[in-house]
C-alpha atoms as a PDB file:
ATOM      1  CA  MET A   1       7.970  -2.583  16.863  1.00  0.00           C
ATOM      2  CA  SER A   2       6.735  -6.176  17.026  1.00  0.00           C
ATOM      3  CA  VAL A   3       3.395  -4.947  18.391  1.00  0.00           C
ATOM      4  CA  GLN A   4       3.075  -2.635  15.386  1.00  0.00           C
ATOM      5  CA  LEU A   5       3.849  -5.485  12.985  1.00  0.00           C
ATOM      6  CA  ILE A   6       1.306  -7.777  14.650  1.00  0.00           C
ATOM      7  CA  ALA A   7      -1.279  -4.977  14.524  1.00  0.00           C
ATOM      8  CA  ALA A   8      -0.527  -4.431  10.812  1.00  0.00           C
ATOM      9  CA  PHE A   9      -1.023  -8.148  10.170  1.00  0.00           C
ATOM     10  CA  ALA A  10      -4.274  -8.208  12.154  1.00  0.00           C
ATOM     11  CA  GLY A  11      -5.577  -5.061  10.463  1.00  0.00           C
ATOM     12  CA  SER A  12      -4.872  -6.453   7.003  1.00  0.00           C
ATOM     13  CA  VAL A  13      -6.476  -9.795   7.863  1.00  0.00           C
ATOM     14  CA  GLY A  14      -9.512  -8.019   9.306  1.00  0.00           C
ATOM     15  CA  PHE A  15      -9.852  -5.881   6.214  1.00  0.00           C
ATOM     16  CA  ALA A  16      -9.452  -8.975   4.006  1.00  0.00           C
ATOM     17  CA  LEU A  17     -12.304 -10.626   5.905  1.00  0.00           C
ATOM     18  CA  MET A  18     -14.443  -7.510   5.448  1.00  0.00           C
ATOM     19  CA  LEU A  19     -13.763  -7.684   1.717  1.00  0.00           C
ATOM     20  CA  LYS A  20     -14.870 -11.333   1.776  1.00  0.00           C
ATOM     21  CA  ILE A  21     -11.496 -12.623   0.640  1.00  0.00           C
ATOM     22  CA  ARG A  22     -11.371 -16.390   1.150  1.00  0.00           C
ATOM     23  CA  GLY A  23      -8.901 -19.153   1.863  1.00  0.00           C
ATOM     24  CA  ARG A  24      -5.163 -18.733   1.970  1.00  0.00           C
ATOM     25  CA  GLN A  25      -5.482 -15.352   0.287  1.00  0.00           C
ATOM     26  CA  ILE A  26      -6.426 -13.945   3.706  1.00  0.00           C
ATOM     27  CA  LEU A  27      -3.054 -15.077   5.051  1.00  0.00           C
ATOM     28  CA  TYR A  28      -1.227 -13.602   2.060  1.00  0.00           C
ATOM     29  CA  ALA A  29      -3.024 -10.279   2.563  1.00  0.00           C
ATOM     30  CA  GLY A  30      -2.000 -10.297   6.243  1.00  0.00           C
ATOM     31  CA  ILE A  31       1.613 -11.105   5.430  1.00  0.00           C
ATOM     32  CA  GLY A  32       1.573  -8.316   2.856  1.00  0.00           C
ATOM     33  CA  GLY A  33       0.329  -5.837   5.467  1.00  0.00           C
ATOM     34  CA  LEU A  34       2.939  -6.981   7.982  1.00  0.00           C
ATOM     35  CA  VAL A  35       5.838  -6.679   5.533  1.00  0.00           C
ATOM     36  CA  THR A  36       4.523  -3.399   4.119  1.00  0.00           C
ATOM     37  CA  TRP A  37       4.461  -1.865   7.584  1.00  0.00           C
ATOM     38  CA  GLY A  38       7.912  -3.295   8.326  1.00  0.00           C
ATOM     39  CA  ILE A  39       9.273  -1.654   5.186  1.00  0.00           C
ATOM     40  CA  TYR A  40       7.608   1.622   6.150  1.00  0.00           C
ATOM     41  CA  LEU A  41       9.177   1.515   9.627  1.00  0.00           C
ATOM     42  CA  LEU A  42      12.597   0.674   8.214  1.00  0.00           C
ATOM     43  CA  ALA A  43      12.390   3.431   5.594  1.00  0.00           C
ATOM     44  CA  PHE A  44      11.154   5.964   8.153  1.00  0.00           C
ATOM     45  CA  SER A  45      13.985   5.135  10.556  1.00  0.00           C
ATOM     46  CA  GLN A  46      16.491   5.880   7.792  1.00  0.00           C
ATOM     47  CA  LEU A  47      14.811   8.777   5.951  1.00  0.00           C
ATOM     48  CA  GLN A  48      12.661  10.494   8.625  1.00  0.00           C
ATOM     49  CA  SER A  49      10.167  11.405   5.900  1.00  0.00           C
ATOM     50  CA  ASP A  50       6.522  10.344   5.835  1.00  0.00           C
ATOM     51  CA  PHE A  51       6.287  10.970   2.086  1.00  0.00           C
ATOM     52  CA  GLN A  52       9.345   8.937   1.095  1.00  0.00           C
ATOM     53  CA  SER A  53       8.605   6.134   3.548  1.00  0.00           C
ATOM     54  CA  ASN A  54       5.017   5.775   2.341  1.00  0.00           C
ATOM     55  CA  LEU A  55       6.159   5.919  -1.277  1.00  0.00           C
ATOM     56  CA  ILE A  56       8.660   3.091  -0.751  1.00  0.00           C
ATOM     57  CA  ALA A  57       6.154   0.992   1.191  1.00  0.00           C
ATOM     58  CA  SER A  58       3.402   1.556  -1.382  1.00  0.00           C
ATOM     59  CA  ILE A  59       5.724   0.537  -4.214  1.00  0.00           C
ATOM     60  CA  PHE A  60       6.472  -2.657  -2.300  1.00  0.00           C
ATOM     61  CA  VAL A  61       2.813  -3.435  -1.621  1.00  0.00           C
ATOM     62  CA  ALA A  62       1.885  -2.847  -5.270  1.00  0.00           C
ATOM     63  CA  VAL A  63       4.641  -5.206  -6.467  1.00  0.00           C
ATOM     64  CA  TYR A  64       3.626  -7.730  -3.804  1.00  0.00           C
ATOM     65  CA  ALA A  65      -0.008  -7.558  -4.943  1.00  0.00           C
ATOM     66  CA  GLU A  66       0.981  -8.167  -8.575  1.00  0.00           C
ATOM     67  CA  ILE A  67       3.095 -11.182  -7.607  1.00  0.00           C
ATOM     68  CA  MET A  68       0.412 -12.636  -5.344  1.00  0.00           C
ATOM     69  CA  ALA A  69      -2.190 -12.122  -8.075  1.00  0.00           C
ATOM     70  CA  ARG A  70      -0.167 -14.264 -10.451  1.00  0.00           C
ATOM     71  CA  VAL A  71       0.670 -16.905  -7.850  1.00  0.00           C
ATOM     72  CA  ASN A  72      -2.953 -17.225  -6.703  1.00  0.00           C
ATOM     73  CA  LYS A  73      -4.615 -16.557 -10.067  1.00  0.00           C
ATOM     74  CA  ALA A  74      -6.665 -13.802  -8.438  1.00  0.00           C
ATOM     75  CA  PRO A  75      -7.063 -10.059  -8.992  1.00  0.00           C
ATOM     76  CA  ALA A  76      -4.217  -7.934  -7.652  1.00  0.00           C
ATOM     77  CA  THR A  77      -6.741  -5.512  -6.165  1.00  0.00           C
ATOM     78  CA  ILE A  78      -7.683  -7.856  -3.324  1.00  0.00           C
ATOM     79  CA  PHE A  79      -4.090  -8.086  -2.118  1.00  0.00           C
ATOM     80  CA  LEU A  80      -3.353  -4.421  -2.779  1.00  0.00           C
ATOM     81  CA  THR A  81      -6.385  -3.168  -0.874  1.00  0.00           C
ATOM     82  CA  ALA A  82      -5.972  -5.368   2.191  1.00  0.00           C
ATOM     83  CA  ALA A  83      -2.169  -5.186   2.458  1.00  0.00           C
ATOM     84  CA  ALA A  84      -2.091  -1.389   2.076  1.00  0.00           C
ATOM     85  CA  VAL A  85      -4.366  -0.826   5.089  1.00  0.00           C
ATOM     86  CA  PRO A  86      -1.464  -0.168   7.520  1.00  0.00           C
ATOM     87  CA  LEU A  87      -0.369   2.794   5.394  1.00  0.00           C
ATOM     88  CA  ILE A  88      -3.680   4.641   5.772  1.00  0.00           C
ATOM     89  CA  PRO A  89      -3.007   7.749   7.885  1.00  0.00           C
ATOM     90  CA  GLY A  90      -5.855   7.237  10.360  1.00  0.00           C
ATOM     91  CA  GLY A  91      -4.390   9.349  13.146  1.00  0.00           C
ATOM     92  CA  LYS A  92      -3.677  12.234  10.832  1.00  0.00           C
ATOM     93  CA  LEU A  93      -7.213  12.030   9.430  1.00  0.00           C
ATOM     94  CA  TYR A  94      -8.576  12.100  12.962  1.00  0.00           C
ATOM     95  CA  TYR A  95      -6.554  15.174  13.921  1.00  0.00           C
ATOM     96  CA  THR A  96      -7.502  16.891  10.659  1.00  0.00           C
ATOM     97  CA  MET A  97     -11.181  16.460  11.467  1.00  0.00           C
ATOM     98  CA  TYR A  98     -10.607  17.338  15.116  1.00  0.00           C
ATOM     99  CA  GLY A  99      -8.874  20.569  14.072  1.00  0.00           C
ATOM    100  CA  LEU A 100     -11.779  21.387  11.766  1.00  0.00           C
ATOM    101  CA  VAL A 101     -14.465  20.720  14.381  1.00  0.00           C
ATOM    102  CA  SER A 102     -12.620  22.459  17.226  1.00  0.00           C
ATOM    103  CA  LYS A 103     -11.770  25.414  14.960  1.00  0.00           C
ATOM    104  CA  ASP A 104      -8.029  24.881  15.514  1.00  0.00           C
ATOM    105  CA  GLN A 105      -6.866  26.103  12.127  1.00  0.00           C
ATOM    106  CA  GLN A 106      -3.180  25.298  12.715  1.00  0.00           C
ATOM    107  CA  LEU A 107      -3.921  21.670  13.663  1.00  0.00           C
ATOM    108  CA  PHE A 108      -6.302  21.351  10.726  1.00  0.00           C
ATOM    109  CA  VAL A 109      -3.796  22.688   8.201  1.00  0.00           C
ATOM    110  CA  ASP A 110      -0.791  20.776   9.564  1.00  0.00           C
ATOM    111  CA  SER A 111      -2.588  17.428   9.858  1.00  0.00           C
ATOM    112  CA  GLY A 112      -4.484  17.906   6.606  1.00  0.00           C
ATOM    113  CA  THR A 113      -1.340  18.742   4.655  1.00  0.00           C
ATOM    114  CA  SER A 114       0.473  15.752   6.106  1.00  0.00           C
ATOM    115  CA  CYS A 115      -2.497  13.519   5.334  1.00  0.00           C
ATOM    116  CA  LEU A 116      -2.640  14.722   1.730  1.00  0.00           C
ATOM    117  CA  MET A 117       1.108  14.164   1.279  1.00  0.00           C
ATOM    118  CA  ILE A 118       0.801  10.596   2.558  1.00  0.00           C
ATOM    119  CA  ALA A 119      -2.172   9.931   0.287  1.00  0.00           C
ATOM    120  CA  LEU A 120      -0.197  11.333  -2.652  1.00  0.00           C
ATOM    121  CA  ALA A 121       2.800   9.125  -1.825  1.00  0.00           C
ATOM    122  CA  ILE A 122       0.627   5.997  -1.599  1.00  0.00           C
ATOM    123  CA  SER A 123      -1.168   6.697  -4.864  1.00  0.00           C
ATOM    124  CA  LEU A 124       2.075   7.612  -6.618  1.00  0.00           C
ATOM    125  CA  GLY A 125       3.626   4.312  -5.531  1.00  0.00           C
ATOM    126  CA  PHE A 126       0.644   2.387  -6.897  1.00  0.00           C
ATOM    127  CA  VAL A 127       0.758   4.273 -10.201  1.00  0.00           C
ATOM    128  CA  VAL A 128       4.510   3.754 -10.653  1.00  0.00           C
ATOM    129  CA  VAL A 129       4.109  -0.002 -10.310  1.00  0.00           C
ATOM    130  CA  ALA A 130       1.014  -0.120 -12.545  1.00  0.00           C
ATOM    131  CA  VAL A 131       2.809   1.785 -15.313  1.00  0.00           C
ATOM    132  CA  MET A 132       5.942  -0.357 -15.009  1.00  0.00           C
ATOM    133  CA  ASN A 133       3.812  -3.511 -15.067  1.00  0.00           C
ATOM    134  CA  ASN A 134       2.034  -2.274 -18.193  1.00  0.00           C
ATOM    135  CA  TYR A 135       5.312  -1.525 -19.988  1.00  0.00           C
ATOM    136  CA  LEU A 136       6.812  -4.839 -18.924  1.00  0.00           C
ATOM    137  CA  SER A 137       3.756  -6.743 -20.178  1.00  0.00           C
ATOM    138  CA  ARG A 138       3.913  -4.954 -23.536  1.00  0.00           C
ATOM    139  CA  PHE A 139       7.647  -5.564 -23.813  1.00  0.00           C
ATOM    140  CA  LEU A 140       7.292  -9.267 -23.085  1.00  0.00           C
ATOM    141  CA  ALA A 141       4.339  -9.616 -25.472  1.00  0.00           C
ATOM    142  CA  GLY A 142       6.330  -7.947 -28.270  1.00  0.00           C
ATOM    143  CA  ARG A 143       9.317 -10.141 -27.538  1.00  0.00           C
ATOM    144  CA  LYS A 144       7.127 -13.234 -27.690  1.00  0.00           C
ATOM    145  CA  LYS A 145       5.707 -12.133 -31.067  1.00  0.00           C
ATOM    146  CA  ARG A 146       9.213 -11.586 -32.493  1.00  0.00           C
ATOM    147  CA  LYS A 147      10.292 -14.989 -31.229  1.00  0.00           C
ATOM    148  CA  LEU A 148       7.342 -16.660 -32.977  1.00  0.00           C
ATOM    149  CA  GLY A 149       8.053 -14.690 -36.157  1.00  0.00           C
ATOM    150  CA  LEU A 150       4.760 -12.795 -36.209  1.00  0.00           C
END
């Protein structure tokens, strides 16, 4: 498990460097990837579901990115993109393509379906947090207006 967490950290840092993220934000992206993968592993050990585990982990990484964006006065996208790298289903994508090329329809369908479900879970987690963030921002802005008597 510790090897997986170190690999998640290294993968997120490497992706942050590819995206030309600078300074301490690289470290924050790596920490985000490490914790995201840790949450995925913990959720998977309890739920035994790729969809639910990826959904929980993607909700965490989206919240983490929003917090880091405010702390660092930077766009949330840089933290979200780099820290979500460990969730990308690379092995499943590989086996989907391998099944397609080798004309193994069962492998193609099984891996492809699993890959699509993981992608759906990740995107759904991001959307849930974006919508909640939008509603929270509107709520706080309205509350501030009422407090000022506008």
